[in-house]
Protein backbone atom coordinates (compact mmCIF):
# COMPACT_ATOMS: atom_id res chain seq x y z
CA MET A 1 -121.90 0.51 82.53
CA SER A 2 -119.94 0.15 79.45
CA SER A 3 -119.96 2.92 76.92
CA TYR A 4 -122.27 1.23 74.66
CA GLU A 5 -125.13 1.01 77.70
CA GLU A 6 -123.62 4.78 78.65
CA LEU A 7 -124.88 5.80 75.12
CA VAL A 8 -128.31 4.27 75.23
CA VAL A 9 -128.54 6.30 78.14
CA ASP A 10 -127.58 9.45 76.40
CA ARG A 11 -130.36 8.42 73.59
CA GLY A 12 -132.89 8.10 76.27
CA VAL A 13 -132.41 11.34 77.76
CA ASP A 14 -131.90 12.86 74.09
CA HIS A 15 -135.56 11.32 73.58
CA ALA A 16 -137.17 12.65 77.16
CA TRP A 17 -136.04 16.26 76.22
CA MET A 18 -137.36 15.94 72.40
CA GLN A 19 -140.51 14.39 73.63
CA PHE A 20 -140.86 17.07 76.51
CA ARG A 21 -140.07 20.36 73.87
CA LEU A 22 -143.01 18.66 71.48
CA ARG A 23 -145.61 18.97 74.37
CA LEU A 24 -144.45 22.06 75.10
CA ALA A 25 -144.80 23.35 71.71
CA ASP A 26 -148.15 21.72 71.37
CA HIS A 27 -149.36 23.12 74.59
CA LEU A 28 -148.55 26.71 73.45
CA GLY A 29 -150.14 26.01 70.43
CA ALA A 30 -153.71 26.27 72.46
CA ALA A 31 -153.25 29.62 72.58
CA SER A 32 -154.22 30.16 69.13
CA ARG A 33 -157.54 28.00 69.63
CA GLY A 34 -158.53 31.16 72.05
CA VAL A 35 -157.41 29.32 75.30
CA PRO A 36 -154.63 31.63 77.11
CA VAL A 37 -151.66 29.93 78.52
CA ALA A 38 -149.16 30.34 81.20
CA ILE A 39 -146.38 27.63 81.81
CA THR A 40 -143.53 28.24 84.60
CA ILE A 41 -141.21 25.60 84.88
CA THR A 42 -138.30 25.66 87.23
CA PRO A 43 -135.34 23.40 88.40
CA GLN A 44 -136.82 21.03 90.76
CA ALA A 45 -133.90 20.24 92.87
CA ALA A 46 -133.35 24.12 93.53
CA ASP A 47 -134.24 26.25 96.60
CA ASP A 48 -136.37 28.48 96.63
CA GLU A 49 -134.61 31.07 95.17
CA ALA A 50 -134.40 29.34 91.74
CA PRO A 51 -134.61 31.16 88.04
CA ALA A 52 -138.16 30.56 86.87
CA LEU A 53 -138.60 30.03 82.73
CA ILE A 54 -142.23 31.53 81.81
CA LEU A 55 -143.69 30.92 78.60
CA GLU A 56 -146.99 33.25 78.01
CA ALA A 57 -149.29 32.89 74.87
CA ASP A 58 -152.04 34.18 74.15
CA GLY A 59 -153.39 33.80 70.80
CA THR A 60 -150.94 37.31 69.52
CA ASP A 61 -147.80 36.69 70.98
CA LEU A 62 -145.92 34.28 72.80
CA VAL A 63 -143.39 35.56 75.28
CA THR A 64 -140.66 33.72 77.09
CA ARG A 65 -138.88 35.57 79.81
CA ILE A 66 -137.24 34.28 83.05
CA GLU A 67 -137.57 35.72 86.14
CA THR A 68 -134.99 35.50 89.18
CA VAL A 69 -135.62 36.38 93.17
CA GLY A 70 -132.68 36.97 95.70
CA GLN A 71 -128.88 36.11 94.90
CA LEU A 72 -128.75 33.62 91.99
CA ASP A 73 -126.56 30.50 92.74
CA ALA A 74 -123.22 30.41 90.35
CA ARG A 75 -124.82 27.41 88.84
CA PHE A 76 -127.93 29.44 87.08
CA ARG A 77 -126.17 32.54 86.07
CA PHE A 78 -125.32 33.00 82.78
CA THR A 79 -121.66 33.46 81.14
CA ALA A 80 -120.60 35.63 78.82
CA SER A 81 -120.76 33.18 76.07
CA GLU A 82 -124.35 31.96 77.01
CA ARG A 83 -125.30 35.49 77.15
CA HIS A 84 -124.09 35.79 74.13
CA ARG A 85 -126.37 32.18 72.57
CA LEU A 86 -129.32 34.04 74.32
CA VAL A 87 -128.77 37.10 72.11
CA GLU A 88 -128.49 34.54 68.95
CA LEU A 89 -131.62 32.87 70.02
CA GLY A 90 -133.20 36.32 69.63
CA MET A 91 -133.66 37.20 73.43
CA THR A 92 -133.79 40.70 74.69
CA ILE A 93 -131.22 41.28 77.52
CA GLU A 94 -133.52 43.68 80.00
CA ASP A 95 -133.04 44.50 83.45
CA GLY A 96 -135.57 41.96 84.52
CA GLY A 97 -133.96 39.27 82.82
CA PRO A 98 -133.96 37.68 79.26
CA VAL A 99 -137.01 38.27 76.93
CA LEU A 100 -137.67 36.54 73.86
CA LEU A 101 -140.97 38.10 72.16
CA LEU A 102 -142.53 35.70 69.46
CA ASP A 103 -145.44 35.58 66.78
CA ALA A 104 -148.04 33.16 68.04
CA TYR A 105 -147.35 30.44 65.93
CA GLU A 106 -143.71 30.06 66.75
CA ILE A 107 -144.10 27.40 69.12
CA ASP A 108 -141.27 25.22 68.12
CA ARG A 109 -138.97 28.12 68.53
CA ALA A 110 -140.20 28.86 72.16
CA ALA A 111 -139.83 24.91 73.35
CA HIS A 112 -136.19 25.04 71.61
CA TYR A 113 -135.51 28.02 73.67
CA ALA A 114 -136.69 26.77 76.65
CA PHE A 115 -134.39 23.68 76.31
CA ALA A 116 -131.38 25.44 75.78
CA VAL A 117 -131.98 27.41 78.72
CA LEU A 118 -133.04 24.56 80.86
CA HIS A 119 -130.61 21.41 79.67
CA GLU A 120 -127.79 23.09 78.25
CA MET A 121 -127.26 26.50 80.30
CA TRP A 122 -128.68 25.52 83.75
CA ASP A 123 -127.88 21.60 83.06
CA VAL A 124 -130.82 19.77 84.29
CA VAL A 125 -130.24 16.19 82.98
CA HIS A 126 -133.53 15.23 82.54
CA PRO A 127 -136.84 16.80 82.15
CA SER A 128 -138.17 14.84 85.13
CA PHE A 129 -136.17 16.81 87.20
CA LEU A 130 -138.13 19.83 86.35
CA ALA A 131 -141.04 21.37 88.61
CA ILE A 132 -143.63 22.71 86.10
CA ASP A 133 -146.87 24.41 86.72
CA PRO A 134 -149.41 24.08 86.05
CA GLU A 135 -148.71 20.52 87.31
CA ASP A 136 -151.20 18.40 85.32
CA LEU A 137 -149.94 19.31 81.75
CA GLY A 138 -148.07 16.27 81.24
CA LEU A 139 -145.17 17.66 79.87
CA VAL A 140 -143.07 14.63 81.38
CA ASP A 141 -144.17 11.03 81.24
CA GLU A 142 -144.24 9.76 85.16
CA PRO A 143 -141.95 6.76 85.41
CA GLU A 144 -144.07 3.35 84.52
CA PRO A 145 -144.21 1.04 87.29
CA ASP A 146 -142.33 -2.17 86.70
CA GLU A 147 -144.84 -4.76 86.18
CA GLU A 148 -142.25 -7.29 86.09
CA GLY A 149 -140.44 -6.84 89.71
CA SER A 150 -137.12 -6.82 89.63
CA PRO A 151 -134.86 -7.50 86.07
CA VAL A 152 -133.92 -10.66 84.96
CA ASP A 153 -131.09 -12.07 86.63
CA VAL A 154 -128.76 -13.37 83.76
CA PRO A 155 -126.31 -16.11 84.86
CA THR A 156 -122.68 -15.43 84.03
CA VAL A 157 -123.22 -18.70 81.63
CA VAL A 158 -126.11 -19.84 79.97
CA HIS A 159 -127.20 -22.87 77.93
CA PRO A 160 -129.79 -22.50 75.24
CA THR A 161 -132.13 -24.83 74.23
CA SER A 162 -133.30 -23.11 71.11
CA ILE A 163 -132.97 -19.73 68.79
CA GLU A 164 -135.69 -18.71 70.83
CA SER A 165 -134.37 -19.36 73.78
CA LEU A 166 -131.04 -17.68 72.85
CA ASN A 167 -133.17 -14.71 71.97
CA GLU A 168 -134.67 -14.05 75.01
CA TRP A 169 -131.26 -14.34 76.83
CA VAL A 170 -129.31 -12.03 74.67
CA ASP A 171 -132.87 -9.75 75.05
CA ALA A 172 -132.28 -10.07 78.89
CA ALA A 173 -128.69 -9.54 78.86
CA LEU A 174 -128.99 -6.00 76.85
CA ALA A 175 -132.09 -4.90 78.69
CA PRO A 176 -130.01 -3.05 81.80
CA GLY A 177 -128.36 -1.19 78.88
CA PHE A 178 -131.25 -0.30 76.99
CA GLY A 179 -133.83 0.27 80.23
CA HIS A 180 -136.24 -2.01 78.26
CA THR A 181 -136.32 -5.24 76.16
CA PRO A 182 -134.21 -4.32 73.20
CA ILE A 183 -136.20 -3.07 70.14
CA ARG A 184 -135.73 -5.32 67.10
CA ASP A 185 -136.46 -4.71 63.54
CA ASP A 186 -138.29 -6.54 61.21
CA ASP A 187 -135.23 -9.10 60.77
CA GLY A 188 -135.20 -9.93 64.18
CA ASP A 189 -132.04 -7.81 64.75
CA ILE A 190 -131.16 -5.03 67.54
CA CYS A 191 -129.22 -2.07 66.25
CA VAL A 192 -127.55 -0.41 68.80
CA HIS A 193 -126.53 3.50 67.94
CA GLY A 194 -123.66 4.70 69.28
CA GLN A 195 -121.52 8.02 69.65
CA GLY A 196 -121.73 9.71 66.42
CA SER A 197 -121.63 7.70 63.21
CA ALA A 198 -120.81 3.95 65.30
CA ARG A 199 -123.51 1.68 64.64
CA ALA A 200 -123.29 -2.01 65.61
CA ILE A 201 -126.11 -4.94 65.05
CA VAL A 202 -126.73 -7.80 66.82
CA SER A 203 -128.12 -10.90 64.87
CA VAL A 204 -128.73 -13.77 66.25
CA ARG A 205 -127.92 -16.54 63.56
CA SER A 206 -128.51 -19.92 64.63
CA GLU A 207 -129.17 -21.66 68.60
CA ASN A 208 -125.49 -21.46 69.14
CA ARG A 209 -124.10 -18.54 66.74
CA ILE A 210 -124.21 -14.94 67.60
CA GLU A 211 -122.99 -12.20 65.28
CA VAL A 212 -122.13 -8.33 66.04
CA TRP A 213 -121.56 -6.68 62.52
CA SER A 214 -121.50 -3.38 61.04
CA ILE A 215 -121.28 -1.93 57.79
CA LEU A 216 -118.39 0.42 57.16
CA ALA A 217 -119.06 1.61 53.34
CA ARG A 218 -121.31 0.45 50.43
CA GLU A 219 -121.05 0.41 47.08
CA VAL A 220 -117.31 0.05 47.21
CA ASP A 221 -114.58 -0.63 44.72
CA VAL A 222 -113.43 -3.90 45.21
CA ALA A 223 -109.87 -3.72 44.56
CA LYS A 224 -109.25 -0.97 47.03
CA ALA A 225 -110.96 -2.43 49.87
CA HIS A 226 -109.30 -5.98 49.40
CA ARG A 227 -106.17 -4.00 50.03
CA GLU A 228 -107.56 -2.31 52.67
CA ILE A 229 -109.28 -5.66 54.17
CA ASP A 230 -105.78 -7.17 54.48
CA ARG A 231 -104.59 -3.99 56.54
CA LEU A 232 -107.76 -3.75 58.77
CA SER A 233 -107.10 -7.63 59.44
CA GLN A 234 -103.67 -7.04 61.13
CA GLN A 235 -104.75 -4.58 63.04
CA TYR A 236 -108.17 -5.45 64.49
CA ALA A 237 -107.40 -9.37 64.68
CA PHE A 238 -110.77 -9.88 66.51
CA HIS A 239 -112.72 -9.15 63.68
CA ARG A 240 -113.40 -10.24 60.38
CA PHE A 241 -113.52 -7.75 57.25
CA PHE A 242 -115.21 -8.62 54.45
CA ILE A 243 -117.05 -7.42 51.04
CA VAL A 244 -120.91 -8.69 50.40
CA ASP A 245 -123.44 -7.05 48.20
CA GLY A 246 -120.77 -4.65 47.11
CA MET A 247 -120.78 -3.58 51.35
CA LEU A 248 -117.72 -3.65 53.30
CA VAL A 249 -118.49 -5.06 56.44
CA VAL A 250 -117.07 -5.68 60.08
CA SER A 251 -118.37 -8.65 62.03
CA MET A 252 -117.55 -10.75 65.06
CA VAL A 253 -118.76 -13.80 65.46
CA LEU A 254 -119.73 -15.72 69.28
CA PHE A 255 -120.11 -19.15 69.44
CA ALA A 256 -123.00 -19.39 72.20
CA ASP A 257 -123.08 -22.75 73.39
CA PRO A 258 -122.62 -22.03 75.99
CA PHE A 259 -123.82 -18.43 76.00
CA VAL A 260 -121.71 -15.72 77.93
CA PRO A 261 -123.19 -12.34 78.36
CA ALA A 262 -119.93 -10.97 78.90
CA HIS A 263 -118.64 -12.06 75.61
CA LEU A 264 -121.68 -10.59 73.86
CA HIS A 265 -121.09 -6.98 75.91
CA ALA A 266 -117.26 -7.02 74.91
CA ALA A 267 -118.16 -8.08 71.52
CA LEU A 268 -120.83 -5.09 70.87
CA GLN A 269 -118.17 -2.91 72.42
CA GLY A 270 -115.27 -3.60 70.39
CA THR A 271 -117.47 -3.40 66.73
CA LEU A 272 -118.87 0.14 68.08
CA TYR A 273 -115.08 1.20 68.45
CA VAL A 274 -114.42 -0.18 65.27
CA SER A 275 -117.32 1.39 63.46
CA GLY A 276 -116.69 4.59 64.95
CA ARG A 277 -113.24 4.65 63.97
CA LEU A 278 -113.71 3.25 60.08
CA VAL A 279 -117.08 4.26 59.07
CA GLY A 280 -115.76 7.89 58.23
CA PRO A 281 -112.34 6.78 56.79
CA ALA A 282 -113.62 3.66 54.79
CA LYS A 283 -115.81 6.41 52.60
CA ARG A 284 -113.20 6.48 50.51
CA LEU A 285 -113.10 2.85 48.93
CA GLU A 286 -116.64 3.79 47.79
CA LYS A 287 -116.77 3.90 44.18
CA PRO A 288 -117.06 7.98 42.99
CA ARG A 289 -120.46 7.31 41.42
CA SER A 290 -122.01 5.83 44.42
CA ARG A 291 -120.71 9.05 46.71
CA ARG A 292 -122.34 11.45 44.03
CA LYS A 293 -125.33 9.23 44.31
CA ARG A 294 -125.57 9.57 48.04
CA ASN A 295 -124.87 13.06 48.27
CA ASN A 296 -127.85 13.88 46.14
CA THR A 297 -130.22 13.82 49.08
CA SER A 298 -133.48 13.91 46.99
CA ALA A 299 -132.86 11.49 44.46
CA ASP A 300 -133.42 8.36 46.39
CA LEU A 301 -136.34 9.31 48.52
CA ASP A 302 -138.74 7.00 49.79
CA PRO A 303 -142.20 7.47 47.82
CA ARG A 304 -143.97 6.76 50.66
CA LEU A 305 -141.99 9.53 52.62
CA MET A 306 -142.78 12.03 49.61
CA SER A 307 -146.09 11.38 49.85
CA LEU A 308 -146.03 12.35 53.91
CA PHE A 309 -144.17 15.65 52.68
CA VAL A 310 -146.47 16.48 50.23
CA SER A 311 -149.37 16.22 53.15
CA GLY A 312 -147.30 17.96 55.50
CA ARG A 313 -149.11 21.08 54.86
CA ARG A 314 -152.83 20.36 54.43
CA MET A 315 -152.84 17.54 57.62
CA GLN A 316 -153.20 18.58 61.42
CA THR A 317 -150.37 17.15 63.18
CA ALA A 318 -152.62 14.23 64.94
CA GLU A 319 -153.44 13.03 61.38
CA LEU A 320 -149.59 13.46 59.78
CA VAL A 321 -148.19 11.05 63.01
CA SER A 322 -151.23 8.63 62.23
CA THR A 323 -150.10 8.78 58.24
CA ALA A 324 -146.84 8.44 59.04
CA MET A 325 -147.42 5.43 61.13
CA LYS A 326 -149.34 3.65 58.40
CA LEU A 327 -147.12 4.49 55.73
CA ALA A 328 -144.05 3.01 58.07
CA LYS A 329 -146.18 0.34 59.13
CA GLY A 330 -145.35 1.00 62.88
CA SER A 331 -141.80 0.04 61.61
CA GLU A 332 -138.89 1.75 63.94
CA ALA A 333 -136.23 1.29 61.41
CA THR A 334 -138.22 2.98 58.82
CA LEU A 335 -139.76 6.00 60.67
CA GLN A 336 -135.62 6.15 61.70
CA ALA A 337 -134.53 6.11 58.40
CA TRP A 338 -137.46 8.69 57.18
CA ARG A 339 -136.15 11.32 60.03
CA GLU A 340 -132.50 11.08 58.46
CA ARG A 341 -133.83 11.72 55.18
CA SER A 342 -136.46 14.29 56.21
CA ILE A 343 -133.04 15.94 57.80
CA ALA A 344 -130.90 16.20 54.86
CA ALA A 345 -134.02 17.15 52.80
CA HIS A 346 -134.96 20.29 55.08
CA ALA A 347 -131.19 21.24 55.15
CA GLN A 348 -130.87 21.46 51.53
CA ALA A 349 -134.56 23.26 51.60
CA LYS A 350 -133.42 25.93 53.65
CA LYS A 351 -130.20 25.96 51.96
CA LEU A 352 -131.98 26.70 48.66
CA PHE A 353 -134.43 29.39 50.71
CA GLY A 354 -131.41 31.63 51.28
CA GLU A 355 -130.23 31.49 47.91
CA GLN A 356 -132.94 31.27 45.27
CA GLY A 357 -134.97 34.54 45.43
CA ASP A 358 -136.63 34.15 42.52
CA VAL A 359 -138.81 31.24 44.17
CA HIS A 360 -138.24 32.27 47.28
CA ASP A 361 -141.94 31.27 48.30
CA VAL A 362 -141.48 27.60 46.99
CA HIS A 363 -138.47 26.62 49.43
CA ARG A 364 -140.00 28.49 52.34
CA ARG A 365 -143.19 25.96 51.65
CA ALA A 366 -140.60 23.31 51.69
CA VAL A 367 -138.99 24.01 54.76
CA SER A 368 -142.05 24.29 56.61
CA SER A 369 -143.23 20.91 55.37
CA TRP A 370 -140.31 19.45 55.96
CA ARG A 371 -139.99 21.02 59.71
CA ARG A 372 -144.02 19.17 59.89
CA VAL A 373 -143.16 15.99 58.75
CA ILE A 374 -139.78 15.84 61.02
CA ARG A 375 -142.16 16.70 64.19
CA ALA A 376 -144.71 14.34 62.96
CA ILE A 377 -142.08 11.02 62.71
CA ASP A 378 -140.34 12.56 66.38
CA LEU A 379 -144.03 11.94 67.55
CA ALA A 380 -144.69 8.40 65.62
CA LEU A 381 -141.20 7.23 67.04
CA ALA A 382 -141.80 8.10 70.68
CA ASP A 383 -145.39 6.28 69.99
CA VAL A 384 -143.66 3.21 68.85
CA SER A 385 -141.24 3.35 71.75
CA THR A 386 -144.06 3.34 74.14
CA GLY A 387 -145.98 1.00 72.46
CA SER A 388 -142.68 -1.50 72.43
CA ARG A 389 -141.96 -1.09 76.21
CA GLU A 390 -145.65 -1.47 77.17
CA ALA A 391 -145.96 -4.59 75.12
CA SER A 392 -142.50 -5.84 76.71
């Protein structure tokens, strides 16, 4: 498996854990509607003496505790640093094991704590490796049957007959790394997220030409950028660097008649590498005015996202998710962009909440609203991803 495929798998695992946390929080929230909740979660592959993570809610209190039986396997014993982390998360270390006592509304905090223990401390790779009681909660999706049978067998060399044919072969070549047919944006491009800030975009330009490219910086100082392009072109001989619409772009063009999937994999991996190495340093090429503008997280918020924020406190979660889907017109790219903006705005609101005591309640409400918006967008993204898989 190539490095970009590993990164795509990592994204899938992160998404599964996010979905697990959101669903767990939703079930814990049922207690506020008069339905007592008790959930026991155990690492599935462990023996009968494995520890159990127990979450109980009665509408007033929300208790999360860890129960152990007999001698624990070394992999489930908390290290000194992990015990310190538990205390930071608000745990009380008692003789019977760590206990976290929360108010009934702190369902997201309880779900985050469960994730930290299960995934980060007990090294459960994926939520599908958990034994959950009751079994019918639906916290983890069952593996979907492969309706297509075995995946498409992609030859080492393909002769596309049209741009549609080339797009189909590109999808088939990249699908094993994604675990599903790649999702295309409104322009028909495939965006691959690498480690950190690395990004690469696959664009089928014609029936015999594919471009793999990435934006390194926006609104650059042209004089500085041209000097940098000369240096980069010598250092990365297989890539082209150029300025388009004020953006510094790195690109690799593949001729696809015939189409060689191995060449696409190599170009994608190489462009992710270049993007990961250069996207940070390339920021110094931006005009100072551009950097200041980008650092102002609220100056250019999409009006549709602001509408979602205003609705954040008065709508139920399901209605907020539906509204997000409608405003974004089901576009995964739009939802992803909104999510990044919302996280930045949430962080800014939290900072102001701690600094400006004279308007303390205003910022507290903003923190809460942005948190609900982020959660709604995550659920909407999960729905979009599920719908894309079903459509493929």
